[in-house]
PDB file of N, CA and C in Angstrom:
ATOM      1  N   MET A   1      93.626  81.287  11.909  1.00  0.00           N
ATOM      2  CA  MET A   1      94.775  80.526  11.493  1.00  0.00           C
ATOM      3  C   MET A   1      96.024  81.081  11.957  1.00  0.00           C
ATOM      4  N   GLU A   2      96.979  80.317  12.531  1.00  0.00           N
ATOM      5  CA  GLU A   2      98.252  80.921  12.937  1.00  0.00           C
ATOM      6  C   GLU A   2      99.339  80.902  12.070  1.00  0.00           C
ATOM      7  N   GLY A   3     100.360  81.585  12.206  1.00  0.00           N
ATOM      8  CA  GLY A   3     101.490  81.589  11.330  1.00  0.00           C
ATOM      9  C   GLY A   3     101.793  82.980  10.695  1.00  0.00           C
ATOM     10  N   PRO A   4     103.104  82.953   9.988  1.00  0.00           N
ATOM     11  CA  PRO A   4     103.277  84.250   9.277  1.00  0.00           C
ATOM     12  C   PRO A   4     102.255  84.357   8.174  1.00  0.00           C
ATOM     13  N   PRO A   5     101.923  85.600   7.704  1.00  0.00           N
ATOM     14  CA  PRO A   5     100.878  85.788   6.627  1.00  0.00           C
ATOM     15  C   PRO A   5     101.084  85.090   5.365  1.00  0.00           C
ATOM     16  N   PHE A   6     102.402  85.020   5.020  1.00  0.00           N
ATOM     17  CA  PHE A   6     102.794  84.327   3.711  1.00  0.00           C
ATOM     18  C   PHE A   6     102.568  82.845   3.760  1.00  0.00           C
ATOM     19  N   ALA A   7     102.872  82.392   4.953  1.00  0.00           N
ATOM     20  CA  ALA A   7     102.649  80.878   5.258  1.00  0.00           C
ATOM     21  C   ALA A   7     101.090  80.584   5.237  1.00  0.00           C
ATOM     22  N   VAL A   8     100.294  81.389   5.816  1.00  0.00           N
ATOM     23  CA  VAL A   8      98.923  81.216   5.768  1.00  0.00           C
ATOM     24  C   VAL A   8      98.412  81.269   4.491  1.00  0.00           C
ATOM     25  N   LEU A   9      98.748  82.133   3.715  1.00  0.00           N
ATOM     26  CA  LEU A   9      98.528  82.360   2.327  1.00  0.00           C
ATOM     27  C   LEU A   9      98.880  81.021   1.507  1.00  0.00           C
ATOM     28  N   ILE A  10     100.023  80.527   1.590  1.00  0.00           N
ATOM     29  CA  ILE A  10     100.396  79.343   0.919  1.00  0.00           C
ATOM     30  C   ILE A  10      99.648  78.101   1.316  1.00  0.00           C
ATOM     31  N   GLY A  11      99.216  77.916   2.600  1.00  0.00           N
ATOM     32  CA  GLY A  11      98.470  76.856   3.158  1.00  0.00           C
ATOM     33  C   GLY A  11      97.085  76.973   2.669  1.00  0.00           C
ATOM     34  N   THR A  12      96.555  78.134   2.649  1.00  0.00           N
ATOM     35  CA  THR A  12      95.178  78.289   2.021  1.00  0.00           C
ATOM     36  C   THR A  12      95.194  77.943   0.523  1.00  0.00           C
ATOM     37  N   LEU A  13      96.112  78.341  -0.196  1.00  0.00           N
ATOM     38  CA  LEU A  13      96.234  78.134  -1.545  1.00  0.00           C
ATOM     39  C   LEU A  13      96.346  76.608  -1.762  1.00  0.00           C
ATOM     40  N   ALA A  14      97.161  76.009  -1.052  1.00  0.00           N
ATOM     41  CA  ALA A  14      97.367  74.537  -1.177  1.00  0.00           C
ATOM     42  C   ALA A  14      96.132  73.876  -0.811  1.00  0.00           C
ATOM     43  N   ALA A  15      95.382  74.209   0.179  1.00  0.00           N
ATOM     44  CA  ALA A  15      94.054  73.580   0.476  1.00  0.00           C
ATOM     45  C   ALA A  15      93.133  73.712  -0.604  1.00  0.00           C
ATOM     46  N   LEU A  16      92.845  74.931  -1.235  1.00  0.00           N
ATOM     47  CA  LEU A  16      92.029  75.240  -2.310  1.00  0.00           C
ATOM     48  C   LEU A  16      92.320  74.441  -3.337  1.00  0.00           C
ATOM     49  N   LEU A  17      93.643  74.303  -3.802  1.00  0.00           N
ATOM     50  CA  LEU A  17      94.019  73.637  -5.077  1.00  0.00           C
ATOM     51  C   LEU A  17      93.770  72.044  -4.783  1.00  0.00           C
ATOM     52  N   SER A  18      94.072  71.591  -3.653  1.00  0.00           N
ATOM     53  CA  SER A  18      93.874  70.126  -3.404  1.00  0.00           C
ATOM     54  C   SER A  18      92.292  69.560  -3.444  1.00  0.00           C
ATOM     55  N   ILE A  19      91.581  70.573  -2.846  1.00  0.00           N
ATOM     56  CA  ILE A  19      90.074  70.398  -2.855  1.00  0.00           C
ATOM     57  C   ILE A  19      89.594  70.515  -4.429  1.00  0.00           C
ATOM     58  N   GLY A  20      89.942  71.526  -5.120  1.00  0.00           N
ATOM     59  CA  GLY A  20      89.494  71.733  -6.354  1.00  0.00           C
ATOM     60  C   GLY A  20      89.989  70.742  -7.381  1.00  0.00           C
ATOM     61  N   SER A  21      91.068  70.077  -7.139  1.00  0.00           N
ATOM     62  CA  SER A  21      91.663  69.058  -8.095  1.00  0.00           C
ATOM     63  C   SER A  21      90.748  67.899  -8.427  1.00  0.00           C
ATOM     64  N   PHE A  22      89.783  67.707  -7.608  1.00  0.00           N
ATOM     65  CA  PHE A  22      88.804  66.596  -7.788  1.00  0.00           C
ATOM     66  C   PHE A  22      87.694  67.047  -8.723  1.00  0.00           C
ATOM     67  N   ALA A  23      87.409  68.303  -8.878  1.00  0.00           N
ATOM     68  CA  ALA A  23      86.207  68.786  -9.664  1.00  0.00           C
ATOM     69  C   ALA A  23      86.216  68.463 -11.045  1.00  0.00           C
ATOM     70  N   PRO A  24      87.295  68.555 -11.849  1.00  0.00           N
ATOM     71  CA  PRO A  24      87.235  68.155 -13.169  1.00  0.00           C
ATOM     72  C   PRO A  24      86.920  66.794 -13.425  1.00  0.00           C
ATOM     73  N   GLN A  25      87.512  65.732 -12.497  1.00  0.00           N
ATOM     74  CA  GLN A  25      87.290  64.424 -12.743  1.00  0.00           C
ATOM     75  C   GLN A  25      85.737  64.036 -12.368  1.00  0.00           C
ATOM     76  N   ILE A  26      85.239  64.714 -11.351  1.00  0.00           N
ATOM     77  CA  ILE A  26      83.855  64.455 -10.897  1.00  0.00           C
ATOM     78  C   ILE A  26      82.930  64.929 -11.994  1.00  0.00           C
ATOM     79  N   LEU A  27      83.042  66.103 -12.484  1.00  0.00           N
ATOM     80  CA  LEU A  27      82.312  66.652 -13.543  1.00  0.00           C
ATOM     81  C   LEU A  27      82.293  65.795 -14.821  1.00  0.00           C
ATOM     82  N   LYS A  28      83.494  65.281 -15.238  1.00  0.00           N
ATOM     83  CA  LYS A  28      83.505  64.470 -16.511  1.00  0.00           C
ATOM     84  C   LYS A  28      82.895  63.248 -16.271  1.00  0.00           C
ATOM     85  N   THR A  29      83.065  62.620 -15.086  1.00  0.00           N
ATOM     86  CA  THR A  29      82.381  61.286 -14.721  1.00  0.00           C
ATOM     87  C   THR A  29      80.842  61.559 -14.827  1.00  0.00           C
ATOM     88  N   TRP A  30      80.498  62.548 -14.143  1.00  0.00           N
ATOM     89  CA  TRP A  30      78.989  62.723 -14.003  1.00  0.00           C
ATOM     90  C   TRP A  30      78.416  63.062 -15.428  1.00  0.00           C
ATOM     91  N   ARG A  31      79.080  63.849 -16.197  1.00  0.00           N
ATOM     92  CA  ARG A  31      78.494  64.198 -17.668  1.00  0.00           C
ATOM     93  C   ARG A  31      78.496  63.041 -18.515  1.00  0.00           C
ATOM     94  N   GLU A  32      79.545  62.135 -18.481  1.00  0.00           N
ATOM     95  CA  GLU A  32      79.753  61.006 -19.389  1.00  0.00           C
ATOM     96  C   GLU A  32      79.017  59.766 -18.769  1.00  0.00           C
ATOM     97  N   ARG A  33      78.763  59.762 -17.412  1.00  0.00           N
ATOM     98  CA  ARG A  33      78.168  58.507 -16.788  1.00  0.00           C
ATOM     99  C   ARG A  33      78.921  57.335 -17.056  1.00  0.00           C
ATOM    100  N   ASP A  34      80.398  57.627 -17.113  1.00  0.00           N
ATOM    101  CA  ASP A  34      81.256  56.564 -17.295  1.00  0.00           C
ATOM    102  C   ASP A  34      82.529  56.733 -16.480  1.00  0.00           C
ATOM    103  N   ALA A  35      82.976  55.856 -15.646  1.00  0.00           N
ATOM    104  CA  ALA A  35      84.086  55.794 -14.787  1.00  0.00           C
ATOM    105  C   ALA A  35      85.070  54.783 -15.071  1.00  0.00           C
ATOM    106  N   SER A  36      84.858  54.108 -16.112  1.00  0.00           N
ATOM    107  CA  SER A  36      85.709  52.902 -16.422  1.00  0.00           C
ATOM    108  C   SER A  36      87.196  53.357 -16.441  1.00  0.00           C
ATOM    109  N   ALA A  37      87.528  54.570 -16.732  1.00  0.00           N
ATOM    110  CA  ALA A  37      89.071  54.835 -16.878  1.00  0.00           C
ATOM    111  C   ALA A  37      89.533  55.371 -15.471  1.00  0.00           C
ATOM    112  N   VAL A  38      88.622  55.410 -14.404  1.00  0.00           N
ATOM    113  CA  VAL A  38      89.151  55.874 -13.117  1.00  0.00           C
ATOM    114  C   VAL A  38      89.544  54.553 -12.342  1.00  0.00           C
ATOM    115  N   SER A  39      90.547  54.829 -11.472  1.00  0.00           N
ATOM    116  CA  SER A  39      91.209  53.719 -10.769  1.00  0.00           C
ATOM    117  C   SER A  39      90.385  53.496  -9.372  1.00  0.00           C
ATOM    118  N   LEU A  40      89.802  52.414  -9.195  1.00  0.00           N
ATOM    119  CA  LEU A  40      89.087  52.170  -7.972  1.00  0.00           C
ATOM    120  C   LEU A  40      89.985  52.166  -6.842  1.00  0.00           C
ATOM    121  N   ARG A  41      91.307  51.451  -7.032  1.00  0.00           N
ATOM    122  CA  ARG A  41      92.140  51.249  -5.902  1.00  0.00           C
ATOM    123  C   ARG A  41      92.751  52.773  -5.500  1.00  0.00           C
ATOM    124  N   MET A  42      93.011  53.567  -6.452  1.00  0.00           N
ATOM    125  CA  MET A  42      93.583  54.831  -6.296  1.00  0.00           C
ATOM    126  C   MET A  42      92.615  55.613  -5.464  1.00  0.00           C
ATOM    127  N   TYR A  43      91.351  55.664  -5.596  1.00  0.00           N
ATOM    128  CA  TYR A  43      90.297  56.367  -4.896  1.00  0.00           C
ATOM    129  C   TYR A  43      90.121  55.733  -3.525  1.00  0.00           C
ATOM    130  N   VAL A  44      90.179  54.328  -3.454  1.00  0.00           N
ATOM    131  CA  VAL A  44      90.005  53.821  -2.118  1.00  0.00           C
ATOM    132  C   VAL A  44      91.240  54.266  -1.199  1.00  0.00           C
ATOM    133  N   VAL A  45      92.410  54.226  -1.714  1.00  0.00           N
ATOM    134  CA  VAL A  45      93.603  54.719  -0.972  1.00  0.00           C
ATOM    135  C   VAL A  45      93.510  56.202  -0.735  1.00  0.00           C
ATOM    136  N   THR A  46      93.088  57.002  -1.593  1.00  0.00           N
ATOM    137  CA  THR A  46      92.904  58.426  -1.422  1.00  0.00           C
ATOM    138  C   THR A  46      91.913  58.794  -0.396  1.00  0.00           C
ATOM    139  N   VAL A  47      90.673  58.235  -0.415  1.00  0.00           N
ATOM    140  CA  VAL A  47      89.809  58.303   0.502  1.00  0.00           C
ATOM    141  C   VAL A  47      90.069  57.868   2.020  1.00  0.00           C
ATOM    142  N   THR A  48      90.926  56.811   2.054  1.00  0.00           N
ATOM    143  CA  THR A  48      91.407  56.300   3.296  1.00  0.00           C
ATOM    144  C   THR A  48      92.405  57.192   3.878  1.00  0.00           C
ATOM    145  N   GLY A  49      93.316  57.839   2.946  1.00  0.00           N
ATOM    146  CA  GLY A  49      94.295  58.813   3.346  1.00  0.00           C
ATOM    147  C   GLY A  49      93.702  60.062   3.956  1.00  0.00           C
ATOM    148  N   PHE A  50      92.719  60.546   3.184  1.00  0.00           N
ATOM    149  CA  PHE A  50      92.079  61.859   3.729  1.00  0.00           C
ATOM    150  C   PHE A  50      91.367  61.485   5.069  1.00  0.00           C
ATOM    151  N   ALA A  51      90.719  60.409   5.258  1.00  0.00           N
ATOM    152  CA  ALA A  51      90.047  60.037   6.592  1.00  0.00           C
ATOM    153  C   ALA A  51      91.133  60.005   7.611  1.00  0.00           C
ATOM    154  N   CYS A  52      92.312  59.451   7.433  1.00  0.00           N
ATOM    155  CA  CYS A  52      93.406  59.436   8.439  1.00  0.00           C
ATOM    156  C   CYS A  52      93.898  60.778   8.702  1.00  0.00           C
ATOM    157  N   TRP A  53      94.073  61.602   7.686  1.00  0.00           N
ATOM    158  CA  TRP A  53      94.496  63.084   7.969  1.00  0.00           C
ATOM    159  C   TRP A  53      93.461  63.851   8.675  1.00  0.00           C
ATOM    160  N   LEU A  54      92.177  63.498   8.437  1.00  0.00           N
ATOM    161  CA  LEU A  54      91.094  64.203   9.226  1.00  0.00           C
ATOM    162  C   LEU A  54      91.137  63.670  10.687  1.00  0.00           C
ATOM    163  N   ALA A  55      91.292  62.521  10.864  1.00  0.00           N
ATOM    164  CA  ALA A  55      91.410  62.000  12.300  1.00  0.00           C
ATOM    165  C   ALA A  55      92.519  62.672  13.071  1.00  0.00           C
ATOM    166  N   TYR A  56      93.736  62.684  12.220  1.00  0.00           N
ATOM    167  CA  TYR A  56      94.892  63.245  12.818  1.00  0.00           C
ATOM    168  C   TYR A  56      94.678  64.718  13.212  1.00  0.00           C
ATOM    169  N   GLY A  57      94.072  65.474  12.337  1.00  0.00           N
ATOM    170  CA  GLY A  57      93.839  66.893  12.611  1.00  0.00           C
ATOM    171  C   GLY A  57      92.959  66.980  13.713  1.00  0.00           C
ATOM    172  N   VAL A  58      91.863  66.134  13.915  1.00  0.00           N
ATOM    173  CA  VAL A  58      91.046  66.242  15.036  1.00  0.00           C
ATOM    174  C   VAL A  58      91.806  65.957  16.390  1.00  0.00           C
ATOM    175  N   MET A  59      92.766  65.000  16.327  1.00  0.00           N
ATOM    176  CA  MET A  59      93.421  64.584  17.457  1.00  0.00           C
ATOM    177  C   MET A  59      94.412  65.611  17.905  1.00  0.00           C
ATOM    178  N   ILE A  60      95.016  66.337  16.986  1.00  0.00           N
ATOM    179  CA  ILE A  60      95.975  67.417  17.367  1.00  0.00           C
ATOM    180  C   ILE A  60      95.255  68.744  17.398  1.00  0.00           C
ATOM    181  N   LYS A  61      93.934  68.854  17.268  1.00  0.00           N
ATOM    182  CA  LYS A  61      93.182  70.041  17.232  1.00  0.00           C
ATOM    183  C   LYS A  61      93.576  71.153  16.270  1.00  0.00           C
ATOM    184  N   ALA A  62      93.980  70.669  15.025  1.00  0.00           N
ATOM    185  CA  ALA A  62      94.515  71.561  14.115  1.00  0.00           C
ATOM    186  C   ALA A  62      93.321  71.831  13.102  1.00  0.00           C
ATOM    187  N   TRP A  63      92.533  72.860  13.369  1.00  0.00           N
ATOM    188  CA  TRP A  63      91.217  72.992  12.619  1.00  0.00           C
ATOM    189  C   TRP A  63      91.438  73.221  11.136  1.00  0.00           C
ATOM    190  N   PRO A  64      92.634  73.970  10.584  1.00  0.00           N
ATOM    191  CA  PRO A  64      92.702  74.069   9.195  1.00  0.00           C
ATOM    192  C   PRO A  64      93.032  72.776   8.580  1.00  0.00           C
ATOM    193  N   VAL A  65      93.732  71.919   9.188  1.00  0.00           N
ATOM    194  CA  VAL A  65      93.969  70.453   8.679  1.00  0.00           C
ATOM    195  C   VAL A  65      92.593  69.782   8.664  1.00  0.00           C
ATOM    196  N   VAL A  66      91.803  69.935   9.687  1.00  0.00           N
ATOM    197  CA  VAL A  66      90.522  69.163   9.724  1.00  0.00           C
ATOM    198  C   VAL A  66      89.713  69.637   8.592  1.00  0.00           C
ATOM    199  N   ALA A  67      89.601  71.049   8.337  1.00  0.00           N
ATOM    200  CA  ALA A  67      88.636  71.591   7.449  1.00  0.00           C
ATOM    201  C   ALA A  67      89.028  71.174   5.957  1.00  0.00           C
ATOM    202  N   SER A  68      90.355  71.333   5.706  1.00  0.00           N
ATOM    203  CA  SER A  68      90.810  71.036   4.244  1.00  0.00           C
ATOM    204  C   SER A  68      90.729  69.512   3.980  1.00  0.00           C
ATOM    205  N   ASN A  69      91.056  68.700   4.943  1.00  0.00           N
ATOM    206  CA  ASN A  69      91.005  67.345   4.736  1.00  0.00           C
ATOM    207  C   ASN A  69      89.470  66.722   4.776  1.00  0.00           C
ATOM    208  N   LEU A  70      88.599  67.459   5.434  1.00  0.00           N
ATOM    209  CA  LEU A  70      87.189  67.120   5.443  1.00  0.00           C
ATOM    210  C   LEU A  70      86.708  67.456   3.969  1.00  0.00           C
ATOM    211  N   ALA A  71      87.024  68.477   3.491  1.00  0.00           N
ATOM    212  CA  ALA A  71      86.575  68.996   2.146  1.00  0.00           C
ATOM    213  C   ALA A  71      87.267  68.027   0.995  1.00  0.00           C
ATOM    214  N   CYS A  72      88.411  67.643   1.144  1.00  0.00           N
ATOM    215  CA  CYS A  72      89.155  66.588   0.237  1.00  0.00           C
ATOM    216  C   CYS A  72      88.482  65.397   0.371  1.00  0.00           C
ATOM    217  N   LEU A  73      88.177  64.832   1.600  1.00  0.00           N
ATOM    218  CA  LEU A  73      87.522  63.491   1.665  1.00  0.00           C
ATOM    219  C   LEU A  73      86.110  63.505   1.120  1.00  0.00           C
ATOM    220  N   LEU A  74      85.292  64.615   1.331  1.00  0.00           N
ATOM    221  CA  LEU A  74      84.018  64.630   0.592  1.00  0.00           C
ATOM    222  C   LEU A  74      84.276  64.733  -0.897  1.00  0.00           C
ATOM    223  N   MET A  75      85.088  65.471  -1.481  1.00  0.00           N
ATOM    224  CA  MET A  75      85.293  65.337  -2.907  1.00  0.00           C
ATOM    225  C   MET A  75      85.806  64.055  -3.445  1.00  0.00           C
ATOM    226  N   SER A  76      86.754  63.472  -2.686  1.00  0.00           N
ATOM    227  CA  SER A  76      87.293  62.139  -3.108  1.00  0.00           C
ATOM    228  C   SER A  76      86.215  61.047  -2.967  1.00  0.00           C
ATOM    229  N   GLY A  77      85.402  61.212  -1.834  1.00  0.00           N
ATOM    230  CA  GLY A  77      84.515  60.214  -1.546  1.00  0.00           C
ATOM    231  C   GLY A  77      83.254  60.407  -2.631  1.00  0.00           C
ATOM    232  N   ALA A  78      83.054  61.542  -3.190  1.00  0.00           N
ATOM    233  CA  ALA A  78      82.104  61.659  -4.210  1.00  0.00           C
ATOM    234  C   ALA A  78      82.530  61.007  -5.486  1.00  0.00           C
ATOM    235  N   MET A  79      83.894  61.111  -5.753  1.00  0.00           N
ATOM    236  CA  MET A  79      84.474  60.488  -6.950  1.00  0.00           C
ATOM    237  C   MET A  79      84.489  58.978  -6.789  1.00  0.00           C
ATOM    238  N   LEU A  80      84.652  58.391  -5.504  1.00  0.00           N
ATOM    239  CA  LEU A  80      84.565  56.912  -5.396  1.00  0.00           C
ATOM    240  C   LEU A  80      83.289  56.552  -5.565  1.00  0.00           C
ATOM    241  N   ALA A  81      82.283  57.299  -5.098  1.00  0.00           N
ATOM    242  CA  ALA A  81      80.721  56.897  -5.336  1.00  0.00           C
ATOM    243  C   ALA A  81      80.440  56.930  -6.714  1.00  0.00           C
ATOM    244  N   LEU A  82      80.949  57.823  -7.491  1.00  0.00           N
ATOM    245  CA  LEU A  82      80.605  57.901  -8.973  1.00  0.00           C
ATOM    246  C   LEU A  82      81.297  56.627  -9.519  1.00  0.00           C
ATOM    247  N   LYS A  83      82.442  56.371  -9.260  1.00  0.00           N
ATOM    248  CA  LYS A  83      83.242  55.203  -9.664  1.00  0.00           C
ATOM    249  C   LYS A  83      82.462  53.986  -9.425  1.00  0.00           C
ATOM    250  N   LEU A  84      81.795  53.813  -8.213  1.00  0.00           N
ATOM    251  CA  LEU A  84      81.044  52.485  -7.955  1.00  0.00           C
ATOM    252  C   LEU A  84      79.748  52.539  -8.667  1.00  0.00           C
ATOM    253  N   ARG A  85      79.198  53.803  -8.893  1.00  0.00           N
ATOM    254  CA  ARG A  85      77.900  53.930  -9.633  1.00  0.00           C
ATOM    255  C   ARG A  85      77.947  53.659 -11.088  1.00  0.00           C
ATOM    256  N   PHE A  86      79.005  54.245 -11.755  1.00  0.00           N
ATOM    257  CA  PHE A  86      79.137  54.302 -13.176  1.00  0.00           C
ATOM    258  C   PHE A  86      80.097  53.409 -13.833  1.00  0.00           C
ATOM    259  N   SER A  87      80.851  52.541 -12.983  1.00  0.00           N
ATOM    260  CA  SER A  87      81.727  51.563 -13.620  1.00  0.00           C
ATOM    261  C   SER A  87      80.899  50.568 -14.595  1.00  0.00           C
ATOM    262  N   ARG A  88      81.534  50.424 -15.721  1.00  0.00           N
ATOM    263  CA  ARG A  88      80.960  49.326 -16.682  1.00  0.00           C
ATOM    264  C   ARG A  88      81.669  48.190 -16.578  1.00  0.00           C
ATOM    265  N   ALA A  89      80.760  47.138 -16.465  1.00  0.00           N
ATOM    266  CA  ALA A  89      81.320  45.772 -16.568  1.00  0.00           C
ATOM    267  C   ALA A  89      81.940  45.397 -17.761  1.00  0.00           C
ATOM    268  N   ASP A  90      83.208  44.781 -17.707  1.00  0.00           N
ATOM    269  CA  ASP A  90      83.670  44.485 -19.008  1.00  0.00           C
ATOM    270  C   ASP A  90      83.526  43.128 -19.410  1.00  0.00           C
TER     271      ASP A  90
END
């Protein structure tokens, strides 16, 4: 990764926090088998956004952008899958 050491540290921290932010919601939804409080639209938009960032990172060959957005795409995609699986019909 290129850049000043402090910038690399901040970028790494930002990526780890972004990736990890999905874990509590995924764990809660999995344990409770209930995703009724989770917004389907929000996760569709989030997954689409991370897919676009991933494509952008590949196009400009920015591998830290690719890696972090791939991880976020997988986490948000997992949450979207849980939403679709565990949503209760009202």
